[in-house]
Amino acid sequence: MTKGVRTALIIVAIAAVVWAIPSGERSSDAVGQALSALIWATFVLIGVRVYREGRGRIELLGDAHRLLLYGSIGLIVVAMAARPGMVGTGGGTLVWIVLLGAAVAMLYAVWQRWREVA
């Protein structure tokens, strides 16, 4: 059995258990939150690894571009944390899109600088 088939069977088995037990809606919420936490933990671990591997290059960026890099990451985290409350209104959705757009523009500036120094 291939790894992909095994993984798919595990997901189907978890879904069947959640469907079969009483009060499945609350159970599915718990499983969804656990999976969400695992995904975020994976993102953090990938970020730590990328930072450790590229620490020297990050130091070469200079103070201003390092500030842009860390600021854009922080802005993305804040925007994603505030997303549920912001996208309920048209103005909030617009502000949320502007925040993410600003973070992407900052990351683009850092990427261009990184290409110059690397």
PDB file of N, CA and C in Angstrom:
ATOM      1  N   MET A   1       0.855  -1.175   0.000  1.00  0.00           N
ATOM      2  CA  MET A   1       0.000   0.000   0.000  1.00  0.00           C
ATOM      3  C   MET A   1       0.905   1.243   0.000  1.00  0.00           C
ATOM      4  N   THR A   2       0.604   2.182  -0.860  1.00  0.00           N
ATOM      5  CA  THR A   2       1.423   3.383  -0.936  1.00  0.00           C
ATOM      6  C   THR A   2       1.109   4.326   0.228  1.00  0.00           C
ATOM      7  N   LYS A   3       2.024   5.225   0.442  1.00  0.00           N
ATOM      8  CA  LYS A   3       1.867   6.174   1.550  1.00  0.00           C
ATOM      9  C   LYS A   3       0.630   7.063   1.358  1.00  0.00           C
ATOM     10  N   GLY A   4       0.381   7.476   0.124  1.00  0.00           N
ATOM     11  CA  GLY A   4      -0.778   8.333  -0.149  1.00  0.00           C
ATOM     12  C   GLY A   4      -2.101   7.629   0.118  1.00  0.00           C
ATOM     13  N   VAL A   5      -2.189   6.365  -0.265  1.00  0.00           N
ATOM     14  CA  VAL A   5      -3.420   5.598  -0.030  1.00  0.00           C
ATOM     15  C   VAL A   5      -3.622   5.415   1.468  1.00  0.00           C
ATOM     16  N   ARG A   6      -2.541   5.105   2.181  1.00  0.00           N
ATOM     17  CA  ARG A   6      -2.628   4.931   3.636  1.00  0.00           C
ATOM     18  C   ARG A   6      -3.099   6.220   4.305  1.00  0.00           C
ATOM     19  N   THR A   7      -2.567   7.344   3.887  1.00  0.00           N
ATOM     20  CA  THR A   7      -2.971   8.630   4.454  1.00  0.00           C
ATOM     21  C   THR A   7      -4.443   8.905   4.175  1.00  0.00           C
ATOM     22  N   ALA A   8      -4.892   8.626   2.960  1.00  0.00           N
ATOM     23  CA  ALA A   8      -6.299   8.836   2.609  1.00  0.00           C
ATOM     24  C   ALA A   8      -7.204   7.935   3.450  1.00  0.00           C
ATOM     25  N   LEU A   9      -6.796   6.697   3.679  1.00  0.00           N
ATOM     26  CA  LEU A   9      -7.594   5.791   4.496  1.00  0.00           C
ATOM     27  C   LEU A   9      -7.677   6.263   5.943  1.00  0.00           C
ATOM     28  N   ILE A  10      -6.597   6.820   6.453  1.00  0.00           N
ATOM     29  CA  ILE A  10      -6.609   7.362   7.817  1.00  0.00           C
ATOM     30  C   ILE A  10      -7.604   8.513   7.920  1.00  0.00           C
ATOM     31  N   ILE A  11      -7.601   9.396   6.934  1.00  0.00           N
ATOM     32  CA  ILE A  11      -8.526  10.536   6.941  1.00  0.00           C
ATOM     33  C   ILE A  11      -9.968  10.055   6.851  1.00  0.00           C
ATOM     34  N   VAL A  12     -10.220   9.068   5.998  1.00  0.00           N
ATOM     35  CA  VAL A  12     -11.577   8.517   5.879  1.00  0.00           C
ATOM     36  C   VAL A  12     -11.997   7.864   7.189  1.00  0.00           C
ATOM     37  N   ALA A  13     -11.080   7.159   7.852  1.00  0.00           N
ATOM     38  CA  ALA A  13     -11.406   6.517   9.130  1.00  0.00           C
ATOM     39  C   ALA A  13     -11.742   7.553  10.195  1.00  0.00           C
ATOM     40  N   ILE A  14     -10.983   8.635  10.261  1.00  0.00           N
ATOM     41  CA  ILE A  14     -11.273   9.705  11.230  1.00  0.00           C
ATOM     42  C   ILE A  14     -12.635  10.321  10.928  1.00  0.00           C
ATOM     43  N   ALA A  15     -12.928  10.560   9.654  1.00  0.00           N
ATOM     44  CA  ALA A  15     -14.222  11.135   9.279  1.00  0.00           C
ATOM     45  C   ALA A  15     -15.362  10.187   9.647  1.00  0.00           C
ATOM     46  N   ALA A  16     -15.176   8.891   9.474  1.00  0.00           N
ATOM     47  CA  ALA A  16     -16.216   7.919   9.817  1.00  0.00           C
ATOM     48  C   ALA A  16     -16.464   7.897  11.316  1.00  0.00           C
ATOM     49  N   VAL A  17     -15.402   7.984  12.104  1.00  0.00           N
ATOM     50  CA  VAL A  17     -15.559   7.999  13.566  1.00  0.00           C
ATOM     51  C   VAL A  17     -16.320   9.251  13.997  1.00  0.00           C
ATOM     52  N   VAL A  18     -15.948  10.382  13.452  1.00  0.00           N
ATOM     53  CA  VAL A  18     -16.624  11.633  13.809  1.00  0.00           C
ATOM     54  C   VAL A  18     -18.093  11.585  13.396  1.00  0.00           C
ATOM     55  N   TRP A  19     -18.384  10.999  12.246  1.00  0.00           N
ATOM     56  CA  TRP A  19     -19.758  10.906  11.766  1.00  0.00           C
ATOM     57  C   TRP A  19     -20.578   9.955  12.633  1.00  0.00           C
ATOM     58  N   ALA A  20     -19.966   8.873  13.122  1.00  0.00           N
ATOM     59  CA  ALA A  20     -20.706   7.826  13.811  1.00  0.00           C
ATOM     60  C   ALA A  20     -21.016   8.139  15.275  1.00  0.00           C
ATOM     61  N   ILE A  21     -20.191   8.932  15.927  1.00  0.00           N
ATOM     62  CA  ILE A  21     -20.417   9.160  17.356  1.00  0.00           C
ATOM     63  C   ILE A  21     -21.492  10.215  17.575  1.00  0.00           C
ATOM     64  N   PRO A  22     -22.194  10.116  18.723  1.00  0.00           N
ATOM     65  CA  PRO A  22     -23.211  11.138  19.023  1.00  0.00           C
ATOM     66  C   PRO A  22     -22.564  12.509  19.190  1.00  0.00           C
ATOM     67  N   SER A  23     -23.347  13.507  18.989  1.00  0.00           N
ATOM     68  CA  SER A  23     -22.899  14.911  19.014  1.00  0.00           C
ATOM     69  C   SER A  23     -21.678  15.092  18.115  1.00  0.00           C
ATOM     70  N   GLY A  24     -21.808  14.600  16.913  1.00  0.00           N
ATOM     71  CA  GLY A  24     -20.712  14.646  15.948  1.00  0.00           C
ATOM     72  C   GLY A  24     -20.290  16.045  15.557  1.00  0.00           C
ATOM     73  N   GLU A  25     -21.212  17.001  15.671  1.00  0.00           N
ATOM     74  CA  GLU A  25     -20.856  18.368  15.280  1.00  0.00           C
ATOM     75  C   GLU A  25     -19.775  18.926  16.202  1.00  0.00           C
ATOM     76  N   ARG A  26     -19.945  18.724  17.504  1.00  0.00           N
ATOM     77  CA  ARG A  26     -18.924  19.203  18.439  1.00  0.00           C
ATOM     78  C   ARG A  26     -17.618  18.434  18.261  1.00  0.00           C
ATOM     79  N   SER A  27     -17.744  17.149  17.983  1.00  0.00           N
ATOM     80  CA  SER A  27     -16.549  16.341  17.769  1.00  0.00           C
ATOM     81  C   SER A  27     -15.826  16.779  16.501  1.00  0.00           C
ATOM     82  N   SER A  28     -16.598  17.077  15.474  1.00  0.00           N
ATOM     83  CA  SER A  28     -15.957  17.524  14.236  1.00  0.00           C
ATOM     84  C   SER A  28     -15.281  18.875  14.432  1.00  0.00           C
ATOM     85  N   ASP A  29     -15.876  19.735  15.258  1.00  0.00           N
ATOM     86  CA  ASP A  29     -15.219  21.006  15.570  1.00  0.00           C
ATOM     87  C   ASP A  29     -13.897  20.768  16.278  1.00  0.00           C
ATOM     88  N   ALA A  30     -13.882  19.825  17.214  1.00  0.00           N
ATOM     89  CA  ALA A  30     -12.651  19.521  17.947  1.00  0.00           C
ATOM     90  C   ALA A  30     -11.589  18.952  17.012  1.00  0.00           C
ATOM     91  N   VAL A  31     -11.991  18.049  16.131  1.00  0.00           N
ATOM     92  CA  VAL A  31     -11.034  17.476  15.179  1.00  0.00           C
ATOM     93  C   VAL A  31     -10.520  18.568  14.238  1.00  0.00           C
ATOM     94  N   GLY A  32     -11.411  19.435  13.783  1.00  0.00           N
ATOM     95  CA  GLY A  32     -10.997  20.537  12.914  1.00  0.00           C
ATOM     96  C   GLY A  32     -10.022  21.475  13.595  1.00  0.00           C
ATOM     97  N   GLN A  33     -10.268  21.773  14.865  1.00  0.00           N
ATOM     98  CA  GLN A  33      -9.352  22.648  15.597  1.00  0.00           C
ATOM     99  C   GLN A  33      -8.007  21.967  15.824  1.00  0.00           C
ATOM    100  N   ALA A  34      -8.023  20.662  16.090  1.00  0.00           N
ATOM    101  CA  ALA A  34      -6.766  19.930  16.268  1.00  0.00           C
ATOM    102  C   ALA A  34      -5.960  19.912  14.975  1.00  0.00           C
ATOM    103  N   LEU A  35      -6.632  19.677  13.860  1.00  0.00           N
ATOM    104  CA  LEU A  35      -5.940  19.700  12.570  1.00  0.00           C
ATOM    105  C   LEU A  35      -5.416  21.093  12.244  1.00  0.00           C
ATOM    106  N   SER A  36      -6.194  22.110  12.577  1.00  0.00           N
ATOM    107  CA  SER A  36      -5.747  23.484  12.358  1.00  0.00           C
ATOM    108  C   SER A  36      -4.496  23.781  13.177  1.00  0.00           C
ATOM    109  N   ALA A  37      -4.481  23.324  14.423  1.00  0.00           N
ATOM    110  CA  ALA A  37      -3.298  23.531  15.262  1.00  0.00           C
ATOM    111  C   ALA A  37      -2.087  22.811  14.688  1.00  0.00           C
ATOM    112  N   LEU A  38      -2.291  21.610  14.159  1.00  0.00           N
ATOM    113  CA  LEU A  38      -1.182  20.880  13.545  1.00  0.00           C
ATOM    114  C   LEU A  38      -0.645  21.603  12.304  1.00  0.00           C
ATOM    115  N   ILE A  39      -1.552  22.166  11.524  1.00  0.00           N
ATOM    116  CA  ILE A  39      -1.119  22.898  10.329  1.00  0.00           C
ATOM    117  C   ILE A  39      -0.317  24.127  10.725  1.00  0.00           C
ATOM    118  N   TRP A  40      -0.790  24.881  11.714  1.00  0.00           N
ATOM    119  CA  TRP A  40      -0.057  26.068  12.163  1.00  0.00           C
ATOM    120  C   TRP A  40       1.296  25.682  12.744  1.00  0.00           C
ATOM    121  N   ALA A  41       1.343  24.584  13.505  1.00  0.00           N
ATOM    122  CA  ALA A  41       2.620  24.125  14.060  1.00  0.00           C
ATOM    123  C   ALA A  41       3.590  23.762  12.940  1.00  0.00           C
ATOM    124  N   THR A  42       3.062  23.160  11.878  1.00  0.00           N
ATOM    125  CA  THR A  42       3.904  22.822  10.730  1.00  0.00           C
ATOM    126  C   THR A  42       4.455  24.086  10.081  1.00  0.00           C
ATOM    127  N   PHE A  43       3.616  25.099   9.917  1.00  0.00           N
ATOM    128  CA  PHE A  43       4.091  26.371   9.356  1.00  0.00           C
ATOM    129  C   PHE A  43       5.194  26.975  10.214  1.00  0.00           C
ATOM    130  N   VAL A  44       5.017  26.936  11.519  1.00  0.00           N
ATOM    131  CA  VAL A  44       6.029  27.492  12.424  1.00  0.00           C
ATOM    132  C   VAL A  44       7.334  26.726  12.295  1.00  0.00           C
ATOM    133  N   LEU A  45       7.260  25.402  12.259  1.00  0.00           N
ATOM    134  CA  LEU A  45       8.476  24.597  12.138  1.00  0.00           C
ATOM    135  C   LEU A  45       9.175  24.832  10.803  1.00  0.00           C
ATOM    136  N   ILE A  46       8.407  24.984   9.734  1.00  0.00           N
ATOM    137  CA  ILE A  46       9.005  25.301   8.438  1.00  0.00           C
ATOM    138  C   ILE A  46       9.674  26.668   8.500  1.00  0.00           C
ATOM    139  N   GLY A  47       9.014  27.636   9.131  1.00  0.00           N
ATOM    140  CA  GLY A  47       9.611  28.966   9.279  1.00  0.00           C
ATOM    141  C   GLY A  47      10.900  28.933  10.086  1.00  0.00           C
ATOM    142  N   VAL A  48      10.932  28.151  11.143  1.00  0.00           N
ATOM    143  CA  VAL A  48      12.155  28.028  11.951  1.00  0.00           C
ATOM    144  C   VAL A  48      13.280  27.426  11.115  1.00  0.00           C
ATOM    145  N   ARG A  49      12.949  26.401  10.352  1.00  0.00           N
ATOM    146  CA  ARG A  49      13.988  25.772   9.531  1.00  0.00           C
ATOM    147  C   ARG A  49      14.520  26.723   8.459  1.00  0.00           C
ATOM    148  N   VAL A  50      13.610  27.427   7.800  1.00  0.00           N
ATOM    149  CA  VAL A  50      14.032  28.390   6.783  1.00  0.00           C
ATOM    150  C   VAL A  50      14.899  29.478   7.413  1.00  0.00           C
ATOM    151  N   TYR A  51      14.526  29.940   8.600  1.00  0.00           N
ATOM    152  CA  TYR A  51      15.319  30.965   9.278  1.00  0.00           C
ATOM    153  C   TYR A  51      16.710  30.440   9.613  1.00  0.00           C
ATOM    154  N   ARG A  52      16.786  29.235  10.135  1.00  0.00           N
ATOM    155  CA  ARG A  52      18.095  28.683  10.510  1.00  0.00           C
ATOM    156  C   ARG A  52      18.991  28.488   9.299  1.00  0.00           C
ATOM    157  N   GLU A  53      18.405  28.036   8.192  1.00  0.00           N
ATOM    158  CA  GLU A  53      19.200  27.813   6.990  1.00  0.00           C
ATOM    159  C   GLU A  53      19.624  29.124   6.332  1.00  0.00           C
ATOM    160  N   GLY A  54      18.816  30.175   6.450  1.00  0.00           N
ATOM    161  CA  GLY A  54      19.107  31.423   5.759  1.00  0.00           C
ATOM    162  C   GLY A  54      19.493  32.563   6.665  1.00  0.00           C
ATOM    163  N   ARG A  55      19.869  32.256   7.898  1.00  0.00           N
ATOM    164  CA  ARG A  55      20.186  33.315   8.862  1.00  0.00           C
ATOM    165  C   ARG A  55      21.288  34.242   8.369  1.00  0.00           C
ATOM    166  N   GLY A  56      22.314  33.674   7.742  1.00  0.00           N
ATOM    167  CA  GLY A  56      23.409  34.504   7.231  1.00  0.00           C
ATOM    168  C   GLY A  56      22.952  35.455   6.152  1.00  0.00           C
ATOM    169  N   ARG A  57      22.091  34.970   5.263  1.00  0.00           N
ATOM    170  CA  ARG A  57      21.582  35.835   4.195  1.00  0.00           C
ATOM    171  C   ARG A  57      20.662  36.912   4.757  1.00  0.00           C
ATOM    172  N   ILE A  58      19.909  36.552   5.795  1.00  0.00           N
ATOM    173  CA  ILE A  58      19.023  37.536   6.415  1.00  0.00           C
ATOM    174  C   ILE A  58      19.842  38.659   7.038  1.00  0.00           C
ATOM    175  N   GLU A  59      20.981  38.314   7.628  1.00  0.00           N
ATOM    176  CA  GLU A  59      21.854  39.333   8.216  1.00  0.00           C
ATOM    177  C   GLU A  59      22.417  40.261   7.151  1.00  0.00           C
ATOM    178  N   LEU A  60      22.634  39.752   5.933  1.00  0.00           N
ATOM    179  CA  LEU A  60      23.174  40.572   4.854  1.00  0.00           C
ATOM    180  C   LEU A  60      22.176  41.591   4.311  1.00  0.00           C
ATOM    181  N   LEU A  61      20.891  41.415   4.617  1.00  0.00           N
ATOM    182  CA  LEU A  61      19.876  42.320   4.087  1.00  0.00           C
ATOM    183  C   LEU A  61      20.036  43.746   4.595  1.00  0.00           C
ATOM    184  N   GLY A  62      20.558  43.911   5.784  1.00  0.00           N
ATOM    185  CA  GLY A  62      20.630  45.225   6.397  1.00  0.00           C
ATOM    186  C   GLY A  62      19.460  45.443   7.332  1.00  0.00           C
ATOM    187  N   ASP A  63      19.600  46.422   8.195  1.00  0.00           N
ATOM    188  CA  ASP A  63      18.596  46.647   9.233  1.00  0.00           C
ATOM    189  C   ASP A  63      17.222  47.007   8.663  1.00  0.00           C
ATOM    190  N   ALA A  64      17.192  47.868   7.671  1.00  0.00           N
ATOM    191  CA  ALA A  64      15.905  48.328   7.134  1.00  0.00           C
ATOM    192  C   ALA A  64      15.126  47.181   6.498  1.00  0.00           C
ATOM    193  N   HIS A  65      15.791  46.369   5.718  1.00  0.00           N
ATOM    194  CA  HIS A  65      15.088  45.277   5.054  1.00  0.00           C
ATOM    195  C   HIS A  65      14.760  44.142   6.016  1.00  0.00           C
ATOM    196  N   ARG A  66      15.585  43.952   7.039  1.00  0.00           N
ATOM    197  CA  ARG A  66      15.221  42.973   8.066  1.00  0.00           C
ATOM    198  C   ARG A  66      13.972  43.439   8.804  1.00  0.00           C
ATOM    199  N   LEU A  67      13.890  44.732   9.075  1.00  0.00           N
ATOM    200  CA  LEU A  67      12.694  45.282   9.712  1.00  0.00           C
ATOM    201  C   LEU A  67      11.470  45.064   8.819  1.00  0.00           C
ATOM    202  N   LEU A  68      11.628  45.281   7.519  1.00  0.00           N
ATOM    203  CA  LEU A  68      10.525  45.027   6.589  1.00  0.00           C
ATOM    204  C   LEU A  68      10.123  43.555   6.601  1.00  0.00           C
ATOM    205  N   LEU A  69      11.098  42.659   6.632  1.00  0.00           N
ATOM    206  CA  LEU A  69      10.806  41.230   6.638  1.00  0.00           C
ATOM    207  C   LEU A  69      10.020  40.834   7.881  1.00  0.00           C
ATOM    208  N   TYR A  70      10.542  41.191   9.041  1.00  0.00           N
ATOM    209  CA  TYR A  70       9.876  40.819  10.286  1.00  0.00           C
ATOM    210  C   TYR A  70       8.542  41.545  10.445  1.00  0.00           C
ATOM    211  N   GLY A  71       8.472  42.787  10.002  1.00  0.00           N
ATOM    212  CA  GLY A  71       7.221  43.533  10.068  1.00  0.00           C
ATOM    213  C   GLY A  71       6.146  42.931   9.176  1.00  0.00           C
ATOM    214  N   SER A  72       6.541  42.484   7.982  1.00  0.00           N
ATOM    215  CA  SER A  72       5.559  41.880   7.080  1.00  0.00           C
ATOM    216  C   SER A  72       5.049  40.556   7.633  1.00  0.00           C
ATOM    217  N   ILE A  73       5.925  39.775   8.244  1.00  0.00           N
ATOM    218  CA  ILE A  73       5.483  38.521   8.852  1.00  0.00           C
ATOM    219  C   ILE A  73       4.518  38.811   9.998  1.00  0.00           C
ATOM    220  N   GLY A  74       4.848  39.787  10.821  1.00  0.00           N
ATOM    221  CA  GLY A  74       3.957  40.169  11.915  1.00  0.00           C
ATOM    222  C   GLY A  74       2.628  40.695  11.408  1.00  0.00           C
ATOM    223  N   LEU A  75       2.662  41.476  10.340  1.00  0.00           N
ATOM    224  CA  LEU A  75       1.430  42.015   9.760  1.00  0.00           C
ATOM    225  C   LEU A  75       0.533  40.898   9.224  1.00  0.00           C
ATOM    226  N   ILE A  76       1.134  39.896   8.610  1.00  0.00           N
ATOM    227  CA  ILE A  76       0.356  38.759   8.119  1.00  0.00           C
ATOM    228  C   ILE A  76      -0.281  38.013   9.280  1.00  0.00           C
ATOM    229  N   VAL A  77       0.476  37.804  10.359  1.00  0.00           N
ATOM    230  CA  VAL A  77      -0.066  37.101  11.523  1.00  0.00           C
ATOM    231  C   VAL A  77      -1.238  37.871  12.127  1.00  0.00           C
ATOM    232  N   VAL A  78      -1.071  39.188  12.273  1.00  0.00           N
ATOM    233  CA  VAL A  78      -2.145  40.008  12.845  1.00  0.00           C
ATOM    234  C   VAL A  78      -3.364  40.017  11.931  1.00  0.00           C
ATOM    235  N   ALA A  79      -3.142  40.150  10.629  1.00  0.00           N
ATOM    236  CA  ALA A  79      -4.271  40.169   9.684  1.00  0.00           C
ATOM    237  C   ALA A  79      -5.021  38.841   9.700  1.00  0.00           C
ATOM    238  N   MET A  80      -4.296  37.743   9.779  1.00  0.00           N
ATOM    239  CA  MET A  80      -4.967  36.445   9.799  1.00  0.00           C
ATOM    240  C   MET A  80      -5.702  36.231  11.123  1.00  0.00           C
ATOM    241  N   ALA A  81      -5.155  36.734  12.214  1.00  0.00           N
ATOM    242  CA  ALA A  81      -5.838  36.596  13.502  1.00  0.00           C
ATOM    243  C   ALA A  81      -7.102  37.451  13.542  1.00  0.00           C
ATOM    244  N   ALA A  82      -7.080  38.605  12.892  1.00  0.00           N
ATOM    245  CA  ALA A  82      -8.223  39.515  12.911  1.00  0.00           C
ATOM    246  C   ALA A  82      -9.228  39.227  11.794  1.00  0.00           C
ATOM    247  N   ARG A  83      -8.909  38.318  10.906  1.00  0.00           N
ATOM    248  CA  ARG A  83      -9.757  38.049   9.740  1.00  0.00           C
ATOM    249  C   ARG A  83     -11.214  37.743  10.083  1.00  0.00           C
ATOM    250  N   PRO A  84     -11.496  36.859  11.046  1.00  0.00           N
ATOM    251  CA  PRO A  84     -12.915  36.555  11.293  1.00  0.00           C
ATOM    252  C   PRO A  84     -13.740  37.787  11.664  1.00  0.00           C
ATOM    253  N   GLY A  85     -13.165  38.707  12.412  1.00  0.00           N
ATOM    254  CA  GLY A  85     -13.901  39.899  12.792  1.00  0.00           C
ATOM    255  C   GLY A  85     -13.936  40.970  11.715  1.00  0.00           C
ATOM    256  N   MET A  86     -12.958  40.954  10.826  1.00  0.00           N
ATOM    257  CA  MET A  86     -12.864  42.022   9.832  1.00  0.00           C
ATOM    258  C   MET A  86     -13.686  41.763   8.580  1.00  0.00           C
ATOM    259  N   VAL A  87     -13.808  40.522   8.168  1.00  0.00           N
ATOM    260  CA  VAL A  87     -14.455  40.264   6.882  1.00  0.00           C
ATOM    261  C   VAL A  87     -15.976  40.260   6.971  1.00  0.00           C
ATOM    262  N   GLY A  88     -16.522  40.603   8.122  1.00  0.00           N
ATOM    263  CA  GLY A  88     -17.972  40.668   8.269  1.00  0.00           C
ATOM    264  C   GLY A  88     -18.582  41.889   7.608  1.00  0.00           C
ATOM    265  N   THR A  89     -17.805  42.918   7.380  1.00  0.00           N
ATOM    266  CA  THR A  89     -18.308  44.138   6.752  1.00  0.00           C
ATOM    267  C   THR A  89     -17.482  44.450   5.515  1.00  0.00           C
ATOM    268  N   GLY A  90     -18.032  45.276   4.654  1.00  0.00           N
ATOM    269  CA  GLY A  90     -17.313  45.645   3.441  1.00  0.00           C
ATOM    270  C   GLY A  90     -16.050  46.437   3.731  1.00  0.00           C
ATOM    271  N   GLY A  91     -16.150  47.395   4.660  1.00  0.00           N
ATOM    272  CA  GLY A  91     -14.979  48.199   5.011  1.00  0.00           C
ATOM    273  C   GLY A  91     -13.904  47.359   5.681  1.00  0.00           C
ATOM    274  N   GLY A  92     -14.329  46.449   6.549  1.00  0.00           N
ATOM    275  CA  GLY A  92     -13.365  45.569   7.211  1.00  0.00           C
ATOM    276  C   GLY A  92     -12.654  44.660   6.231  1.00  0.00           C
ATOM    277  N   THR A  93     -13.401  44.174   5.249  1.00  0.00           N
ATOM    278  CA  THR A  93     -12.796  43.331   4.224  1.00  0.00           C
ATOM    279  C   THR A  93     -11.782  44.129   3.419  1.00  0.00           C
ATOM    280  N   LEU A  94     -12.114  45.359   3.094  1.00  0.00           N
ATOM    281  CA  LEU A  94     -11.192  46.207   2.346  1.00  0.00           C
ATOM    282  C   LEU A  94      -9.920  46.470   3.151  1.00  0.00           C
ATOM    283  N   VAL A  95     -10.058  46.782   4.438  1.00  0.00           N
ATOM    284  CA  VAL A  95      -8.882  47.015   5.294  1.00  0.00           C
ATOM    285  C   VAL A  95      -8.042  45.746   5.379  1.00  0.00           C
ATOM    286  N   TRP A  96      -8.687  44.590   5.500  1.00  0.00           N
ATOM    287  CA  TRP A  96      -7.963  43.330   5.588  1.00  0.00           C
ATOM    288  C   TRP A  96      -7.164  43.073   4.310  1.00  0.00           C
ATOM    289  N   ILE A  97      -7.773  43.342   3.149  1.00  0.00           N
ATOM    290  CA  ILE A  97      -7.076  43.159   1.873  1.00  0.00           C
ATOM    291  C   ILE A  97      -5.905  44.135   1.765  1.00  0.00           C
ATOM    292  N   VAL A  98      -6.096  45.372   2.222  1.00  0.00           N
ATOM    293  CA  VAL A  98      -5.020  46.360   2.182  1.00  0.00           C
ATOM    294  C   VAL A  98      -3.863  45.923   3.083  1.00  0.00           C
ATOM    295  N   LEU A  99      -4.184  45.388   4.265  1.00  0.00           N
ATOM    296  CA  LEU A  99      -3.127  44.894   5.164  1.00  0.00           C
ATOM    297  C   LEU A  99      -2.316  43.785   4.505  1.00  0.00           C
ATOM    298  N   LEU A 100      -3.001  42.822   3.913  1.00  0.00           N
ATOM    299  CA  LEU A 100      -2.273  41.739   3.247  1.00  0.00           C
ATOM    300  C   LEU A 100      -1.501  42.245   2.036  1.00  0.00           C
ATOM    301  N   GLY A 101      -2.072  43.184   1.310  1.00  0.00           N
ATOM    302  CA  GLY A 101      -1.361  43.762   0.172  1.00  0.00           C
ATOM    303  C   GLY A 101      -0.101  44.492   0.602  1.00  0.00           C
ATOM    304  N   ALA A 102      -0.178  45.217   1.720  1.00  0.00           N
ATOM    305  CA  ALA A 102       1.005  45.912   2.236  1.00  0.00           C
ATOM    306  C   ALA A 102       2.071  44.902   2.647  1.00  0.00           C
ATOM    307  N   ALA A 103       1.653  43.805   3.272  1.00  0.00           N
ATOM    308  CA  ALA A 103       2.619  42.777   3.677  1.00  0.00           C
ATOM    309  C   ALA A 103       3.280  42.141   2.465  1.00  0.00           C
ATOM    310  N   VAL A 104       2.515  41.886   1.427  1.00  0.00           N
ATOM    311  CA  VAL A 104       3.077  41.298   0.206  1.00  0.00           C
ATOM    312  C   VAL A 104       4.046  42.278  -0.448  1.00  0.00           C
ATOM    313  N   ALA A 105       3.713  43.558  -0.470  1.00  0.00           N
ATOM    314  CA  ALA A 105       4.614  44.565  -1.048  1.00  0.00           C
ATOM    315  C   ALA A 105       5.913  44.637  -0.252  1.00  0.00           C
ATOM    316  N   MET A 106       5.816  44.543   1.062  1.00  0.00           N
ATOM    317  CA  MET A 106       7.019  44.558   1.895  1.00  0.00           C
ATOM    318  C   MET A 106       7.879  43.323   1.619  1.00  0.00           C
ATOM    319  N   LEU A 107       7.254  42.169   1.504  1.00  0.00           N
ATOM    320  CA  LEU A 107       7.998  40.948   1.204  1.00  0.00           C
ATOM    321  C   LEU A 107       8.645  41.013  -0.176  1.00  0.00           C
ATOM    322  N   TYR A 108       7.970  41.646  -1.122  1.00  0.00           N
ATOM    323  CA  TYR A 108       8.542  41.803  -2.455  1.00  0.00           C
ATOM    324  C   TYR A 108       9.794  42.681  -2.409  1.00  0.00           C
ATOM    325  N   ALA A 109       9.746  43.758  -1.632  1.00  0.00           N
ATOM    326  CA  ALA A 109      10.919  44.625  -1.497  1.00  0.00           C
ATOM    327  C   ALA A 109      12.081  43.867  -0.852  1.00  0.00           C
ATOM    328  N   VAL A 110      11.780  43.057   0.145  1.00  0.00           N
ATOM    329  CA  VAL A 110      12.825  42.256   0.794  1.00  0.00           C
ATOM    330  C   VAL A 110      13.384  41.243  -0.188  1.00  0.00           C
ATOM    331  N   TRP A 111      12.538  40.617  -0.984  1.00  0.00           N
ATOM    332  CA  TRP A 111      12.994  39.627  -1.952  1.00  0.00           C
ATOM    333  C   TRP A 111      13.914  40.254  -2.996  1.00  0.00           C
ATOM    334  N   GLN A 112      13.568  41.453  -3.456  1.00  0.00           N
ATOM    335  CA  GLN A 112      14.426  42.130  -4.422  1.00  0.00           C
ATOM    336  C   GLN A 112      15.789  42.447  -3.810  1.00  0.00           C
ATOM    337  N   ARG A 113      15.794  42.911  -2.574  1.00  0.00           N
ATOM    338  CA  ARG A 113      17.063  43.195  -1.895  1.00  0.00           C
ATOM    339  C   ARG A 113      17.863  41.911  -1.704  1.00  0.00           C
ATOM    340  N   TRP A 114      17.188  40.816  -1.368  1.00  0.00           N
ATOM    341  CA  TRP A 114      17.874  39.543  -1.165  1.00  0.00           C
ATOM    342  C   TRP A 114      18.542  39.075  -2.454  1.00  0.00           C
ATOM    343  N   ARG A 115      17.866  39.291  -3.596  1.00  0.00           N
ATOM    344  CA  ARG A 115      18.467  38.916  -4.875  1.00  0.00           C
ATOM    345  C   ARG A 115      19.713  39.738  -5.156  1.00  0.00           C
ATOM    346  N   GLU A 116      19.751  40.983  -4.708  1.00  0.00           N
ATOM    347  CA  GLU A 116      20.922  41.832  -4.920  1.00  0.00           C
ATOM    348  C   GLU A 116      22.114  41.363  -4.109  1.00  0.00           C
ATOM    349  N   VAL A 117      21.879  40.964  -2.859  1.00  0.00           N
ATOM    350  CA  VAL A 117      23.002  40.609  -1.977  1.00  0.00           C
ATOM    351  C   VAL A 117      23.395  39.139  -2.066  1.00  0.00           C
ATOM    352  N   ALA A 118      22.505  38.294  -2.565  1.00  0.00           N
ATOM    353  CA  ALA A 118      22.814  36.852  -2.581  1.00  0.00           C
ATOM    354  C   ALA A 118      23.580  36.467  -3.828  1.00  0.00           C
TER     355      ALA A 118
END
